[in-house]
Amino acid sequence: MHGPAEQLPFETMRDREVATCSGRRLGRLTFVERYPNRPVRLILALVIFAITGTVSAGWGEPASAAAPTEPRTLAALGDSYSSGEGTPPFDTVDPRCRHSAQAWPRLLTTLDPSISIDVFAACAGATTEALTSPFRGELPQITQLREASPPPDVVTITIGGNDAGFSRVIVSCYTWKCFWTGNDKYERDYVSKDLPDLLVASYKAMKVAAPDSRILVVGYPSIIPSSQSKNTCRWLSSSERGQLTRLNSLLNQVIRKSAAKAGVEYVSTDRALRGHELCTKDSWVAPISVFAPARDLSAHPNADGQLAIAKTVSRYLDAHDR
């Protein structure tokens, strides 16, 4: 038994706990009562500090900011698929090569402002011979490339289609039939047997003319509908559509392999016009015509097609930055 003045240990601890908690509550109440505005001011100060601290931390981290892209110069060589044949009007200062303001090499500079064109040597109707010989009153394209000062950072080229007579075949499809003999053996033989050596020699000559430049061989987009159900042109039969598709694919295969053999880069544009080929409902290719001036535009990408090719090349440069 314990006396009335004596407390059990657990009772003493409980009383101290209550007293301490009560003191804390009284302490807070007393603080608020004595300084009613200070908690609000303190909270506001902490909020402002957090906001300004976060913002200034974002501003003060140069490592997280994107580094500015180094400016690059471009030389565009090749044929009508680089000059912009399908998108008039053409430059009036020198109209012979039919340079368009909407040609994909020029649109490339709007997609990537770090790129500027120093040499625009591409010329409508050019074959591989135009690279080393004068064409339409212009210096050989490789001569223009060699004389560029300073040398361009990037060189692009589309070439080989006119060597293979692809545009002639397309017009022939419209006027009578694609292949006069009924098959495409002659064209396929030329593309697979004769054209490769011409392309490899051309690409190597470009490397000699611009040894420090990046050379991009740009393939041709597929301009023929992928299926007969998408074909709206009555003059293009199902068998001829298949022949043209295979010839276009063979041409790009030869160009790609020749680029690899010459040690230069290849950019595929096979699918750039997918769903918008010639003879489709929403075509990005100029229709076939036998009358001037539309005749020269035939089977060339229009403004939408040029932009699609420019985007394809731009994506390649972004993905393979050097």
C-alpha atoms as a PDB file:
ATOM      1  CA  MET A   1       0.000   0.000   0.000  1.00  0.00           C
ATOM      2  CA  HIS A   2       1.143   3.512  -0.820  1.00  0.00           C
ATOM      3  CA  GLY A   3       0.407   6.701   1.066  1.00  0.00           C
ATOM      4  CA  PRO A   4      -1.867   9.388  -0.336  1.00  0.00           C
ATOM      5  CA  ALA A   5       1.078  11.632  -1.246  1.00  0.00           C
ATOM      6  CA  GLU A   6       2.848   8.822  -3.076  1.00  0.00           C
ATOM      7  CA  GLN A   7       2.270   8.297  -6.822  1.00  0.00           C
ATOM      8  CA  LEU A   8       2.956   5.318  -8.993  1.00  0.00           C
ATOM      9  CA  PRO A   9       5.696   5.702 -11.572  1.00  0.00           C
ATOM     10  CA  PHE A  10       3.328   5.404 -14.576  1.00  0.00           C
ATOM     11  CA  GLU A  11       1.081   8.089 -13.122  1.00  0.00           C
ATOM     12  CA  THR A  12       4.009  10.492 -12.868  1.00  0.00           C
ATOM     13  CA  MET A  13       4.963   9.880 -16.506  1.00  0.00           C
ATOM     14  CA  ARG A  14       1.356  10.390 -17.644  1.00  0.00           C
ATOM     15  CA  ASP A  15       1.066  13.661 -15.739  1.00  0.00           C
ATOM     16  CA  ARG A  16       4.296  14.948 -17.265  1.00  0.00           C
ATOM     17  CA  GLU A  17       3.060  14.013 -20.739  1.00  0.00           C
ATOM     18  CA  VAL A  18      -0.189  15.875 -20.238  1.00  0.00           C
ATOM     19  CA  ALA A  19       1.581  18.876 -18.808  1.00  0.00           C
ATOM     20  CA  THR A  20       4.065  18.971 -21.698  1.00  0.00           C
ATOM     21  CA  CYS A  21       1.336  18.650 -24.347  1.00  0.00           C
ATOM     22  CA  SER A  22      -0.732  21.281 -22.632  1.00  0.00           C
ATOM     23  CA  GLY A  23       2.266  23.561 -22.492  1.00  0.00           C
ATOM     24  CA  ARG A  24       2.838  23.138 -26.207  1.00  0.00           C
ATOM     25  CA  ARG A  25      -0.751  23.952 -26.996  1.00  0.00           C
ATOM     26  CA  LEU A  26      -0.666  26.946 -24.708  1.00  0.00           C
ATOM     27  CA  GLY A  27       2.644  28.000 -26.204  1.00  0.00           C
ATOM     28  CA  ARG A  28       1.246  28.033 -29.726  1.00  0.00           C
ATOM     29  CA  LEU A  29      -1.862  29.869 -28.701  1.00  0.00           C
ATOM     30  CA  THR A  30       0.168  32.425 -26.847  1.00  0.00           C
ATOM     31  CA  PHE A  31       2.451  32.930 -29.873  1.00  0.00           C
ATOM     32  CA  VAL A  32      -0.481  33.495 -32.220  1.00  0.00           C
ATOM     33  CA  GLU A  33      -2.182  35.741 -29.796  1.00  0.00           C
ATOM     34  CA  ARG A  34       0.937  37.805 -29.203  1.00  0.00           C
ATOM     35  CA  TYR A  35       2.096  37.834 -32.873  1.00  0.00           C
ATOM     36  CA  PRO A  36      -1.049  37.320 -34.976  1.00  0.00           C
ATOM     37  CA  ASN A  37       0.551  38.337 -38.358  1.00  0.00           C
ATOM     38  CA  ARG A  38       3.931  36.617 -38.162  1.00  0.00           C
ATOM     39  CA  PRO A  39       2.855  33.089 -39.177  1.00  0.00           C
ATOM     40  CA  VAL A  40       1.237  34.475 -42.363  1.00  0.00           C
ATOM     41  CA  ARG A  41       4.305  36.540 -43.177  1.00  0.00           C
ATOM     42  CA  LEU A  42       6.536  33.564 -42.569  1.00  0.00           C
ATOM     43  CA  ILE A  43       4.514  31.329 -44.881  1.00  0.00           C
ATOM     44  CA  LEU A  44       4.485  33.965 -47.653  1.00  0.00           C
ATOM     45  CA  ALA A  45       8.219  34.397 -47.327  1.00  0.00           C
ATOM     46  CA  LEU A  46       8.783  30.653 -47.649  1.00  0.00           C
ATOM     47  CA  VAL A  47       6.522  30.421 -50.737  1.00  0.00           C
ATOM     48  CA  ILE A  48       8.269  33.342 -52.458  1.00  0.00           C
ATOM     49  CA  PHE A  49      11.667  31.852 -51.663  1.00  0.00           C
ATOM     50  CA  ALA A  50      10.629  28.473 -53.089  1.00  0.00           C
ATOM     51  CA  ILE A  51       9.340  30.023 -56.328  1.00  0.00           C
ATOM     52  CA  THR A  52      12.253  32.358 -56.927  1.00  0.00           C
ATOM     53  CA  GLY A  53      14.721  29.676 -55.917  1.00  0.00           C
ATOM     54  CA  THR A  54      13.261  27.193 -58.417  1.00  0.00           C
ATOM     55  CA  VAL A  55      13.141  29.695 -61.283  1.00  0.00           C
ATOM     56  CA  SER A  56      16.615  31.040 -60.667  1.00  0.00           C
ATOM     57  CA  ALA A  57      17.935  27.497 -60.443  1.00  0.00           C
ATOM     58  CA  GLY A  58      16.474  26.832 -63.920  1.00  0.00           C
ATOM     59  CA  TRP A  59      18.026  29.994 -65.303  1.00  0.00           C
ATOM     60  CA  GLY A  60      21.351  29.310 -63.693  1.00  0.00           C
ATOM     61  CA  GLU A  61      21.984  25.879 -65.262  1.00  0.00           C
ATOM     62  CA  PRO A  62      23.741  26.435 -68.585  1.00  0.00           C
ATOM     63  CA  ALA A  63      24.448  22.716 -68.926  1.00  0.00           C
ATOM     64  CA  SER A  64      20.731  21.987 -69.427  1.00  0.00           C
ATOM     65  CA  ALA A  65      20.342  24.529 -72.252  1.00  0.00           C
ATOM     66  CA  ALA A  66      20.509  23.183 -75.816  1.00  0.00           C
ATOM     67  CA  ALA A  67      23.773  23.981 -77.507  1.00  0.00           C
ATOM     68  CA  PRO A  68      23.370  26.180 -80.597  1.00  0.00           C
ATOM     69  CA  THR A  69      23.676  24.297 -83.896  1.00  0.00           C
ATOM     70  CA  GLU A  70      26.810  25.094 -85.854  1.00  0.00           C
ATOM     71  CA  PRO A  71      26.060  26.757 -89.221  1.00  0.00           C
ATOM     72  CA  ARG A  72      26.486  24.470 -92.228  1.00  0.00           C
ATOM     73  CA  THR A  73      26.791  25.182 -95.947  1.00  0.00           C
ATOM     74  CA  LEU A  74      25.167  23.026 -98.628  1.00  0.00           C
ATOM     75  CA  ALA A  75      25.916  22.238-102.266  1.00  0.00           C
ATOM     76  CA  ALA A  76      22.966  20.741-104.176  1.00  0.00           C
ATOM     77  CA  LEU A  77      23.914  18.758-107.280  1.00  0.00           C
ATOM     78  CA  GLY A  78      21.939  16.525-109.594  1.00  0.00           C
ATOM     79  CA  ASP A  79      18.934  16.551-111.874  1.00  0.00           C
ATOM     80  CA  SER A  80      15.370  17.873-111.949  1.00  0.00           C
ATOM     81  CA  TYR A  81      14.522  16.021-108.734  1.00  0.00           C
ATOM     82  CA  SER A  82      16.853  18.436-106.949  1.00  0.00           C
ATOM     83  CA  SER A  83      16.296  21.563-109.061  1.00  0.00           C
ATOM     84  CA  GLY A  84      12.568  21.599-108.259  1.00  0.00           C
ATOM     85  CA  GLU A  85      11.208  20.960-111.761  1.00  0.00           C
ATOM     86  CA  GLY A  86       7.654  20.265-110.592  1.00  0.00           C
ATOM     87  CA  THR A  87       7.185  23.567-108.728  1.00  0.00           C
ATOM     88  CA  PRO A  88       7.210  26.691-110.937  1.00  0.00           C
ATOM     89  CA  PRO A  89       7.943  29.580-111.106  1.00  0.00           C
ATOM     90  CA  PHE A  90      11.655  29.164-111.730  1.00  0.00           C
ATOM     91  CA  ASP A  91      14.551  31.542-111.171  1.00  0.00           C
ATOM     92  CA  THR A  92      14.557  34.188-113.886  1.00  0.00           C
ATOM     93  CA  VAL A  93      18.200  35.217-113.501  1.00  0.00           C
ATOM     94  CA  ASP A  94      19.374  31.880-114.903  1.00  0.00           C
ATOM     95  CA  PRO A  95      16.305  29.884-116.023  1.00  0.00           C
ATOM     96  CA  ARG A  96      18.130  27.170-117.980  1.00  0.00           C
ATOM     97  CA  CYS A  97      18.350  24.681-115.107  1.00  0.00           C
ATOM     98  CA  ARG A  98      14.847  25.485-113.800  1.00  0.00           C
ATOM     99  CA  HIS A  99      15.689  26.205-110.190  1.00  0.00           C
ATOM    100  CA  SER A 100      12.584  26.616-108.053  1.00  0.00           C
ATOM    101  CA  ALA A 101      12.205  28.481-104.783  1.00  0.00           C
ATOM    102  CA  GLN A 102      10.304  25.407-103.569  1.00  0.00           C
ATOM    103  CA  ALA A 103      12.966  22.878-104.505  1.00  0.00           C
ATOM    104  CA  TRP A 104      13.572  20.569-101.560  1.00  0.00           C
ATOM    105  CA  PRO A 105      17.230  21.680-101.040  1.00  0.00           C
ATOM    106  CA  ARG A 106      15.974  25.231-100.531  1.00  0.00           C
ATOM    107  CA  LEU A 107      13.140  24.074 -98.285  1.00  0.00           C
ATOM    108  CA  LEU A 108      15.744  22.216 -96.238  1.00  0.00           C
ATOM    109  CA  THR A 109      17.211  25.578 -95.241  1.00  0.00           C
ATOM    110  CA  THR A 110      13.828  26.695 -93.869  1.00  0.00           C
ATOM    111  CA  LEU A 111      13.421  23.481 -91.874  1.00  0.00           C
ATOM    112  CA  ASP A 112      16.934  23.883 -90.499  1.00  0.00           C
ATOM    113  CA  PRO A 113      18.044  27.548 -90.461  1.00  0.00           C
ATOM    114  CA  SER A 114      21.579  26.458 -89.596  1.00  0.00           C
ATOM    115  CA  ILE A 115      21.911  25.291 -93.229  1.00  0.00           C
ATOM    116  CA  SER A 116      22.510  27.693 -96.117  1.00  0.00           C
ATOM    117  CA  ILE A 117      22.982  26.904 -99.823  1.00  0.00           C
ATOM    118  CA  ASP A 118      26.295  28.017-101.286  1.00  0.00           C
ATOM    119  CA  VAL A 119      26.159  26.037-104.539  1.00  0.00           C
ATOM    120  CA  PHE A 120      22.933  25.182-106.392  1.00  0.00           C
ATOM    121  CA  ALA A 121      24.255  23.266-109.398  1.00  0.00           C
ATOM    122  CA  ALA A 122      21.358  20.799-109.881  1.00  0.00           C
ATOM    123  CA  CYS A 123      19.929  21.083-113.383  1.00  0.00           C
ATOM    124  CA  ALA A 124      16.756  19.716-114.974  1.00  0.00           C
ATOM    125  CA  GLY A 125      17.523  16.992-117.497  1.00  0.00           C
ATOM    126  CA  ALA A 126      21.000  16.286-116.138  1.00  0.00           C
ATOM    127  CA  THR A 127      22.565  12.846-116.455  1.00  0.00           C
ATOM    128  CA  THR A 128      25.809  11.631-114.890  1.00  0.00           C
ATOM    129  CA  GLU A 129      27.601  13.214-117.867  1.00  0.00           C
ATOM    130  CA  ALA A 130      26.547  16.684-116.649  1.00  0.00           C
ATOM    131  CA  LEU A 131      28.720  16.177-113.587  1.00  0.00           C
ATOM    132  CA  THR A 132      31.914  16.227-115.642  1.00  0.00           C
ATOM    133  CA  SER A 133      30.821  18.054-118.833  1.00  0.00           C
ATOM    134  CA  PRO A 134      29.082  21.397-119.476  1.00  0.00           C
ATOM    135  CA  PHE A 135      25.291  21.152-119.609  1.00  0.00           C
ATOM    136  CA  ARG A 136      22.778  23.793-120.692  1.00  0.00           C
ATOM    137  CA  GLY A 137      25.490  26.432-120.708  1.00  0.00           C
ATOM    138  CA  GLU A 138      26.555  25.662-117.146  1.00  0.00           C
ATOM    139  CA  LEU A 139      29.951  24.496-115.955  1.00  0.00           C
ATOM    140  CA  PRO A 140      30.244  20.807-115.047  1.00  0.00           C
ATOM    141  CA  GLN A 141      28.605  20.339-111.684  1.00  0.00           C
ATOM    142  CA  ILE A 142      31.728  18.829-110.148  1.00  0.00           C
ATOM    143  CA  THR A 143      33.714  21.859-111.347  1.00  0.00           C
ATOM    144  CA  GLN A 144      31.237  24.109-109.555  1.00  0.00           C
ATOM    145  CA  LEU A 145      31.655  21.959-106.454  1.00  0.00           C
ATOM    146  CA  ARG A 146      35.445  22.057-106.626  1.00  0.00           C
ATOM    147  CA  GLU A 147      35.515  25.840-107.011  1.00  0.00           C
ATOM    148  CA  ALA A 148      33.299  26.472-103.983  1.00  0.00           C
ATOM    149  CA  SER A 149      35.226  28.464-101.395  1.00  0.00           C
ATOM    150  CA  PRO A 150      35.085  27.572 -98.612  1.00  0.00           C
ATOM    151  CA  PRO A 151      34.131  23.974 -99.413  1.00  0.00           C
ATOM    152  CA  PRO A 152      30.542  23.094 -98.451  1.00  0.00           C
ATOM    153  CA  ASP A 153      29.914  21.113 -95.309  1.00  0.00           C
ATOM    154  CA  VAL A 154      27.271  18.939 -96.983  1.00  0.00           C
ATOM    155  CA  VAL A 155      26.793  17.925-100.628  1.00  0.00           C
ATOM    156  CA  THR A 156      23.546  16.344-101.854  1.00  0.00           C
ATOM    157  CA  ILE A 157      22.826  14.755-105.221  1.00  0.00           C
ATOM    158  CA  THR A 158      20.000  13.015-107.081  1.00  0.00           C
ATOM    159  CA  ILE A 159      21.264  11.448-110.306  1.00  0.00           C
ATOM    160  CA  GLY A 160      20.677   8.392-112.484  1.00  0.00           C
ATOM    161  CA  GLY A 161      17.001   8.700-113.341  1.00  0.00           C
ATOM    162  CA  ASN A 162      17.631  10.416-116.665  1.00  0.00           C
ATOM    163  CA  ASP A 163      20.427   7.970-117.492  1.00  0.00           C
ATOM    164  CA  ALA A 164      17.863   5.193-117.112  1.00  0.00           C
ATOM    165  CA  GLY A 165      15.331   7.092-119.258  1.00  0.00           C
ATOM    166  CA  PHE A 166      12.739   6.959-116.496  1.00  0.00           C
ATOM    167  CA  SER A 167      10.931  10.161-117.531  1.00  0.00           C
ATOM    168  CA  ARG A 168      10.755   8.978-121.153  1.00  0.00           C
ATOM    169  CA  VAL A 169       9.194   5.717-119.982  1.00  0.00           C
ATOM    170  CA  ILE A 170       6.562   7.563-117.935  1.00  0.00           C
ATOM    171  CA  VAL A 171       5.493   9.762-120.873  1.00  0.00           C
ATOM    172  CA  SER A 172       5.414   6.704-123.101  1.00  0.00           C
ATOM    173  CA  CYS A 173       2.999   5.093-120.638  1.00  0.00           C
ATOM    174  CA  TYR A 174       0.633   8.002-121.111  1.00  0.00           C
ATOM    175  CA  THR A 175       0.801   8.232-124.907  1.00  0.00           C
ATOM    176  CA  TRP A 176       0.801   4.532-125.785  1.00  0.00           C
ATOM    177  CA  LYS A 177       2.357   1.995-123.475  1.00  0.00           C
ATOM    178  CA  CYS A 178       5.240   2.100-121.016  1.00  0.00           C
ATOM    179  CA  PHE A 179       7.468  -0.404-122.794  1.00  0.00           C
ATOM    180  CA  TRP A 180       7.129  -0.734-126.533  1.00  0.00           C
ATOM    181  CA  THR A 181       8.177  -4.375-126.525  1.00  0.00           C
ATOM    182  CA  GLY A 182       5.730  -5.138-123.726  1.00  0.00           C
ATOM    183  CA  ASN A 183       8.451  -5.773-121.148  1.00  0.00           C
ATOM    184  CA  ASP A 184      11.038  -3.679-119.330  1.00  0.00           C
ATOM    185  CA  LYS A 185      14.060  -5.908-119.983  1.00  0.00           C
ATOM    186  CA  TYR A 186      16.098  -3.219-121.763  1.00  0.00           C
ATOM    187  CA  GLU A 187      15.621  -0.647-118.988  1.00  0.00           C
ATOM    188  CA  ARG A 188      16.266  -3.176-116.226  1.00  0.00           C
ATOM    189  CA  ASP A 189      19.414  -4.434-117.943  1.00  0.00           C
ATOM    190  CA  TYR A 190      20.747  -0.899-118.314  1.00  0.00           C
ATOM    191  CA  VAL A 191      20.025  -0.005-114.674  1.00  0.00           C
ATOM    192  CA  SER A 192      21.547  -3.181-113.267  1.00  0.00           C
ATOM    193  CA  LYS A 193      24.543  -3.563-115.626  1.00  0.00           C
ATOM    194  CA  ASP A 194      25.587  -0.171-117.056  1.00  0.00           C
ATOM    195  CA  LEU A 195      24.467   2.408-114.521  1.00  0.00           C
ATOM    196  CA  PRO A 196      26.381   1.161-111.435  1.00  0.00           C
ATOM    197  CA  ASP A 197      29.831   1.974-112.850  1.00  0.00           C
ATOM    198  CA  LEU A 198      28.682   5.443-113.911  1.00  0.00           C
ATOM    199  CA  LEU A 199      27.314   6.171-110.452  1.00  0.00           C
ATOM    200  CA  VAL A 200      30.345   4.894-108.552  1.00  0.00           C
ATOM    201  CA  ALA A 201      32.674   6.951-110.755  1.00  0.00           C
ATOM    202  CA  SER A 202      30.488  10.038-110.242  1.00  0.00           C
ATOM    203  CA  TYR A 203      30.395   9.694-106.469  1.00  0.00           C
ATOM    204  CA  LYS A 204      34.142   9.145-106.262  1.00  0.00           C
ATOM    205  CA  ALA A 205      34.735  12.240-108.401  1.00  0.00           C
ATOM    206  CA  MET A 206      32.618  14.223-105.954  1.00  0.00           C
ATOM    207  CA  LYS A 207      34.768  12.980-103.067  1.00  0.00           C
ATOM    208  CA  VAL A 208      37.896  14.137-104.884  1.00  0.00           C
ATOM    209  CA  ALA A 209      36.342  17.556-105.576  1.00  0.00           C
ATOM    210  CA  ALA A 210      35.187  17.996-101.963  1.00  0.00           C
ATOM    211  CA  PRO A 211      37.308  15.674 -99.788  1.00  0.00           C
ATOM    212  CA  ASP A 212      36.245  17.267 -96.494  1.00  0.00           C
ATOM    213  CA  SER A 213      32.525  17.489 -97.296  1.00  0.00           C
ATOM    214  CA  ARG A 214      29.769  15.108 -96.272  1.00  0.00           C
ATOM    215  CA  ILE A 215      28.261  13.617 -99.430  1.00  0.00           C
ATOM    216  CA  LEU A 216      24.630  12.491 -99.313  1.00  0.00           C
ATOM    217  CA  VAL A 217      23.276  10.532-102.265  1.00  0.00           C
ATOM    218  CA  VAL A 218      19.516  11.043-102.167  1.00  0.00           C
ATOM    219  CA  GLY A 219      17.370   8.323-103.709  1.00  0.00           C
ATOM    220  CA  TYR A 220      14.195   8.843-105.734  1.00  0.00           C
ATOM    221  CA  PRO A 221      10.779   8.702-104.085  1.00  0.00           C
ATOM    222  CA  SER A 222       8.375   6.048-105.277  1.00  0.00           C
ATOM    223  CA  ILE A 223       5.915   7.933-107.490  1.00  0.00           C
ATOM    224  CA  ILE A 224       3.775   4.979-108.610  1.00  0.00           C
ATOM    225  CA  PRO A 225       0.681   3.842-106.616  1.00  0.00           C
ATOM    226  CA  SER A 226       1.443   0.879-104.368  1.00  0.00           C
ATOM    227  CA  SER A 227      -1.712  -0.957-105.470  1.00  0.00           C
ATOM    228  CA  GLN A 228      -4.065  -0.868-108.445  1.00  0.00           C
ATOM    229  CA  SER A 229      -6.989  -0.021-106.161  1.00  0.00           C
ATOM    230  CA  LYS A 230      -5.351   3.360-105.491  1.00  0.00           C
ATOM    231  CA  ASN A 231      -4.714   4.060-109.176  1.00  0.00           C
ATOM    232  CA  THR A 232      -7.048   6.686-110.655  1.00  0.00           C
ATOM    233  CA  CYS A 233      -5.329   6.891-114.071  1.00  0.00           C
ATOM    234  CA  ARG A 234      -7.015   4.880-116.819  1.00  0.00           C
ATOM    235  CA  TRP A 235      -3.898   4.936-118.976  1.00  0.00           C
ATOM    236  CA  LEU A 236      -1.884   3.001-116.346  1.00  0.00           C
ATOM    237  CA  SER A 237      -2.696  -0.701-116.429  1.00  0.00           C
ATOM    238  CA  SER A 238      -2.109  -3.014-113.517  1.00  0.00           C
ATOM    239  CA  SER A 239       0.776  -4.831-115.257  1.00  0.00           C
ATOM    240  CA  GLU A 240       2.471  -1.573-116.264  1.00  0.00           C
ATOM    241  CA  ARG A 241       2.045  -0.176-112.768  1.00  0.00           C
ATOM    242  CA  GLY A 242       3.840  -3.230-111.435  1.00  0.00           C
ATOM    243  CA  GLN A 243       6.651  -2.844-113.997  1.00  0.00           C
ATOM    244  CA  LEU A 244       7.188   0.818-113.144  1.00  0.00           C
ATOM    245  CA  THR A 245       7.179   0.077-109.405  1.00  0.00           C
ATOM    246  CA  ARG A 246       9.818  -2.624-109.834  1.00  0.00           C
ATOM    247  CA  LEU A 247      11.949  -0.413-112.077  1.00  0.00           C
ATOM    248  CA  ASN A 248      11.807   2.452-109.558  1.00  0.00           C
ATOM    249  CA  SER A 249      12.782   0.048-106.768  1.00  0.00           C
ATOM    250  CA  LEU A 250      15.646  -1.421-108.818  1.00  0.00           C
ATOM    251  CA  LEU A 251      16.974   2.060-109.599  1.00  0.00           C
ATOM    252  CA  ASN A 252      17.086   2.944-105.893  1.00  0.00           C
ATOM    253  CA  GLN A 253      18.756  -0.369-105.017  1.00  0.00           C
ATOM    254  CA  VAL A 254      21.495   0.281-107.575  1.00  0.00           C
ATOM    255  CA  ILE A 255      21.966   3.869-106.339  1.00  0.00           C
ATOM    256  CA  ARG A 256      22.209   2.692-102.714  1.00  0.00           C
ATOM    257  CA  LYS A 257      24.739  -0.043-103.496  1.00  0.00           C
ATOM    258  CA  SER A 258      26.802   2.305-105.665  1.00  0.00           C
ATOM    259  CA  ALA A 259      26.900   4.890-102.873  1.00  0.00           C
ATOM    260  CA  ALA A 260      28.121   2.246-100.433  1.00  0.00           C
ATOM    261  CA  LYS A 261      30.789   1.100-102.891  1.00  0.00           C
ATOM    262  CA  ALA A 262      32.010   4.677-103.325  1.00  0.00           C
ATOM    263  CA  GLY A 263      32.052   5.269 -99.580  1.00  0.00           C
ATOM    264  CA  VAL A 264      29.359   7.965 -99.421  1.00  0.00           C
ATOM    265  CA  GLU A 265      26.055   8.163 -97.554  1.00  0.00           C
ATOM    266  CA  TYR A 266      22.672   7.191 -98.972  1.00  0.00           C
ATOM    267  CA  VAL A 267      19.366   8.791 -97.988  1.00  0.00           C
ATOM    268  CA  SER A 268      16.236   6.796 -98.819  1.00  0.00           C
ATOM    269  CA  THR A 269      13.163   8.773 -99.887  1.00  0.00           C
ATOM    270  CA  ASP A 270      11.204   5.712-101.049  1.00  0.00           C
ATOM    271  CA  ARG A 271       8.273   6.455 -98.741  1.00  0.00           C
ATOM    272  CA  ALA A 272       8.382  10.242 -98.751  1.00  0.00           C
ATOM    273  CA  LEU A 273       5.279  10.436-100.993  1.00  0.00           C
ATOM    274  CA  ARG A 274       3.525   7.376 -99.578  1.00  0.00           C
ATOM    275  CA  GLY A 275      -0.234   7.656-100.144  1.00  0.00           C
ATOM    276  CA  HIS A 276       0.281  10.663-102.420  1.00  0.00           C
ATOM    277  CA  GLU A 277       1.892   9.078-105.469  1.00  0.00           C
ATOM    278  CA  LEU A 278       1.088   9.865-109.080  1.00  0.00           C
ATOM    279  CA  CYS A 279      -2.493   8.909-110.007  1.00  0.00           C
ATOM    280  CA  THR A 280      -3.763   8.861-106.411  1.00  0.00           C
ATOM    281  CA  LYS A 281      -6.657  11.003-105.168  1.00  0.00           C
ATOM    282  CA  ASP A 282      -4.406  13.379-103.233  1.00  0.00           C
ATOM    283  CA  SER A 283      -1.304  13.271-105.398  1.00  0.00           C
ATOM    284  CA  TRP A 284       1.858  15.216-104.548  1.00  0.00           C
ATOM    285  CA  VAL A 285       3.190  14.573-108.060  1.00  0.00           C
ATOM    286  CA  ALA A 286       2.517  16.698-111.151  1.00  0.00           C
ATOM    287  CA  PRO A 287       0.237  14.837-113.598  1.00  0.00           C
ATOM    288  CA  ILE A 288       1.478  13.608-116.971  1.00  0.00           C
ATOM    289  CA  SER A 289       1.034  15.958-119.915  1.00  0.00           C
ATOM    290  CA  VAL A 290       2.316  15.977-123.504  1.00  0.00           C
ATOM    291  CA  PHE A 291       1.852  19.694-124.030  1.00  0.00           C
ATOM    292  CA  ALA A 292       4.169  22.496-122.900  1.00  0.00           C
ATOM    293  CA  PRO A 293       4.669  23.933-120.360  1.00  0.00           C
ATOM    294  CA  ALA A 294       3.068  21.204-118.213  1.00  0.00           C
ATOM    295  CA  ARG A 295       4.961  18.503-120.125  1.00  0.00           C
ATOM    296  CA  ASP A 296       8.243  19.340-118.388  1.00  0.00           C
ATOM    297  CA  LEU A 297       6.606  19.191-114.968  1.00  0.00           C
ATOM    298  CA  SER A 298       5.251  15.682-115.551  1.00  0.00           C
ATOM    299  CA  ALA A 299       5.962  13.084-112.845  1.00  0.00           C
ATOM    300  CA  HIS A 300       7.875  15.538-110.628  1.00  0.00           C
ATOM    301  CA  PRO A 301       6.969  16.285-106.992  1.00  0.00           C
ATOM    302  CA  ASN A 302       4.797  19.363-106.471  1.00  0.00           C
ATOM    303  CA  ALA A 303       5.185  21.760-103.531  1.00  0.00           C
ATOM    304  CA  ASP A 304       3.836  19.215-101.031  1.00  0.00           C
ATOM    305  CA  GLY A 305       6.100  16.538-102.473  1.00  0.00           C
ATOM    306  CA  GLN A 306       9.162  18.779-102.316  1.00  0.00           C
ATOM    307  CA  LEU A 307       8.443  19.530 -98.658  1.00  0.00           C
ATOM    308  CA  ALA A 308       8.037  15.813 -97.917  1.00  0.00           C
ATOM    309  CA  ILE A 309      11.465  15.086 -99.432  1.00  0.00           C
ATOM    310  CA  ALA A 310      13.019  18.007 -97.536  1.00  0.00           C
ATOM    311  CA  LYS A 311      11.620  16.638 -94.271  1.00  0.00           C
ATOM    312  CA  THR A 312      13.004  13.178 -95.049  1.00  0.00           C
ATOM    313  CA  VAL A 313      16.502  14.550 -95.672  1.00  0.00           C
ATOM    314  CA  SER A 314      16.249  16.795 -92.602  1.00  0.00           C
ATOM    315  CA  ARG A 315      15.319  13.822 -90.401  1.00  0.00           C
ATOM    316  CA  TYR A 316      18.272  11.886 -91.773  1.00  0.00           C
ATOM    317  CA  LEU A 317      20.658  14.733 -90.924  1.00  0.00           C
ATOM    318  CA  ASP A 318      19.209  14.972 -87.417  1.00  0.00           C
ATOM    319  CA  ALA A 319      19.505  11.234 -86.856  1.00  0.00           C
ATOM    320  CA  HIS A 320      23.028  11.003 -88.301  1.00  0.00           C
ATOM    321  CA  ASP A 321      24.558  14.224 -87.012  1.00  0.00           C
ATOM    322  CA  ARG A 322      28.325  14.580 -87.367  1.00  0.00           C
END
